[in-house]
């Protein structure tokens, strides 16, 4: 019988996130030059996480 997901070790549950936090998206947009200081933080476009 298999073990329930909630009982597994924390290290085995963590997978790759496909959604970035706002500060992570800002960092990526700054690197590519698509966001500059003074622009609005809300309504940022979607950014894929680095592979």
N, C-alpha and C. Protein backbone atom coordinates (compact mmCIF):
# COMPACT_ATOMS: atom_id res chain seq x y z
N UNK A 1 0.84 -1.17 0.00
CA UNK A 1 0.00 0.00 0.00
C UNK A 1 0.89 1.24 0.00
N UNK A 2 0.53 2.25 -0.77
CA UNK A 2 1.37 3.44 -0.87
C UNK A 2 1.08 4.42 0.27
N UNK A 3 2.02 5.31 0.46
CA UNK A 3 1.92 6.29 1.54
C UNK A 3 1.19 7.54 1.04
N UNK A 4 0.33 8.11 1.89
CA UNK A 4 -0.41 9.31 1.53
C UNK A 4 0.55 10.48 1.33
N UNK A 5 0.22 11.37 0.38
CA UNK A 5 1.11 12.49 0.04
C UNK A 5 1.42 13.38 1.23
N UNK A 6 0.47 13.59 2.12
CA UNK A 6 0.69 14.48 3.26
C UNK A 6 1.66 13.90 4.28
N UNK A 7 1.93 12.61 4.21
CA UNK A 7 2.83 11.97 5.16
C UNK A 7 4.26 11.83 4.66
N UNK A 8 4.50 12.20 3.41
CA UNK A 8 5.85 12.08 2.85
C UNK A 8 6.77 13.15 3.42
N UNK A 9 8.06 12.94 3.25
CA UNK A 9 9.05 13.91 3.71
C UNK A 9 8.92 15.20 2.90
N UNK A 10 9.25 16.32 3.49
CA UNK A 10 9.10 17.62 2.84
C UNK A 10 9.96 17.73 1.59
N UNK A 11 11.12 17.09 1.58
CA UNK A 11 12.02 17.21 0.44
C UNK A 11 11.46 16.52 -0.81
N UNK A 12 10.65 15.51 -0.63
CA UNK A 12 10.10 14.80 -1.79
C UNK A 12 8.86 15.49 -2.34
N UNK A 13 8.22 16.36 -1.57
CA UNK A 13 7.00 17.03 -2.02
C UNK A 13 7.31 18.23 -2.92
N UNK A 14 8.42 18.91 -2.67
CA UNK A 14 8.74 20.12 -3.41
C UNK A 14 9.08 19.85 -4.86
N UNK A 15 8.31 20.42 -5.75
CA UNK A 15 8.58 20.26 -7.17
C UNK A 15 9.01 21.60 -7.75
N UNK A 16 9.16 21.63 -9.06
CA UNK A 16 9.55 22.86 -9.72
C UNK A 16 8.35 23.79 -9.80
N UNK A 17 8.54 25.03 -9.39
CA UNK A 17 7.44 26.00 -9.44
C UNK A 17 7.32 26.55 -10.85
N UNK A 18 6.08 26.72 -11.32
CA UNK A 18 5.89 27.31 -12.63
C UNK A 18 5.30 28.72 -12.53
N UNK A 19 5.15 29.22 -11.31
CA UNK A 19 4.65 30.58 -11.09
C UNK A 19 5.69 31.33 -10.28
N UNK A 20 6.05 32.51 -10.74
CA UNK A 20 7.05 33.32 -10.05
C UNK A 20 6.39 34.34 -9.14
N UNK A 21 7.07 34.70 -8.08
CA UNK A 21 6.62 35.78 -7.22
C UNK A 21 6.86 37.10 -7.94
N UNK A 22 6.22 38.16 -7.48
CA UNK A 22 6.32 39.45 -8.16
C UNK A 22 7.77 39.95 -8.20
N UNK A 23 8.49 39.81 -7.10
CA UNK A 23 9.87 40.30 -7.08
C UNK A 23 10.76 39.48 -8.02
N UNK A 24 10.45 38.19 -8.19
CA UNK A 24 11.22 37.37 -9.13
C UNK A 24 10.95 37.79 -10.57
N UNK A 25 9.69 38.12 -10.87
CA UNK A 25 9.36 38.58 -12.22
C UNK A 25 10.04 39.92 -12.50
N UNK A 26 10.06 40.81 -11.49
CA UNK A 26 10.72 42.11 -11.67
C UNK A 26 12.20 41.94 -11.98
N UNK A 27 12.86 41.03 -11.27
CA UNK A 27 14.28 40.79 -11.52
C UNK A 27 14.53 40.33 -12.95
N UNK A 28 13.70 39.40 -13.43
CA UNK A 28 13.86 38.90 -14.79
C UNK A 28 13.58 40.00 -15.82
N UNK A 29 12.54 40.80 -15.59
CA UNK A 29 12.21 41.87 -16.53
C UNK A 29 13.28 42.96 -16.54
N UNK A 30 13.90 43.23 -15.39
CA UNK A 30 14.99 44.21 -15.34
C UNK A 30 16.19 43.72 -16.14
N UNK A 31 16.50 42.43 -16.03
CA UNK A 31 17.65 41.87 -16.75
C UNK A 31 17.48 41.98 -18.26
N UNK A 32 16.24 41.77 -18.72
CA UNK A 32 15.99 41.84 -20.16
C UNK A 32 15.69 43.26 -20.64
N UNK A 33 15.58 44.21 -19.71
CA UNK A 33 15.34 45.60 -20.08
C UNK A 33 13.89 45.91 -20.41
N UNK A 34 12.97 45.06 -20.01
CA UNK A 34 11.55 45.27 -20.30
C UNK A 34 10.84 46.03 -19.20
N UNK A 35 11.52 46.36 -18.11
CA UNK A 35 10.91 47.11 -17.02
C UNK A 35 11.93 48.12 -16.51
N UNK A 36 11.50 49.33 -16.28
CA UNK A 36 12.39 50.38 -15.80
C UNK A 36 11.85 50.95 -14.50
N UNK A 37 12.73 51.57 -13.73
CA UNK A 37 12.32 52.20 -12.48
C UNK A 37 11.25 53.26 -12.77
N UNK A 38 10.27 53.32 -11.89
CA UNK A 38 9.22 54.30 -12.05
C UNK A 38 7.96 53.76 -12.72
N UNK A 39 8.07 52.59 -13.36
CA UNK A 39 6.90 51.97 -13.96
C UNK A 39 6.06 51.32 -12.86
N UNK A 40 4.80 51.04 -13.20
CA UNK A 40 3.91 50.40 -12.24
C UNK A 40 4.34 48.95 -12.00
N UNK A 41 4.18 48.50 -10.76
CA UNK A 41 4.53 47.13 -10.41
C UNK A 41 3.36 46.20 -10.68
N UNK A 42 2.15 46.73 -10.60
CA UNK A 42 0.98 45.89 -10.85
C UNK A 42 0.77 45.70 -12.34
N UNK A 43 0.15 44.62 -12.71
CA UNK A 43 -0.14 44.35 -14.11
C UNK A 43 1.07 43.94 -14.92
N UNK A 44 2.04 43.29 -14.29
CA UNK A 44 3.22 42.83 -15.02
C UNK A 44 2.85 41.70 -15.97
N UNK A 45 3.56 41.60 -17.06
CA UNK A 45 3.30 40.52 -18.00
C UNK A 45 3.84 39.21 -17.45
N UNK A 46 3.36 38.12 -18.01
CA UNK A 46 3.79 36.80 -17.55
C UNK A 46 5.22 36.54 -18.01
N UNK A 47 6.00 35.89 -17.14
CA UNK A 47 7.40 35.57 -17.44
C UNK A 47 7.62 34.13 -17.05
N UNK A 48 8.21 33.36 -17.96
CA UNK A 48 8.50 31.96 -17.64
C UNK A 48 9.75 31.89 -16.77
N UNK A 49 9.77 30.97 -15.80
CA UNK A 49 10.96 30.83 -14.96
C UNK A 49 12.13 30.30 -15.77
N UNK A 50 13.34 30.65 -15.37
CA UNK A 50 14.52 30.13 -16.07
C UNK A 50 14.60 28.62 -15.95
N UNK A 51 15.10 27.99 -16.98
CA UNK A 51 15.17 26.52 -17.00
C UNK A 51 16.39 26.02 -16.28
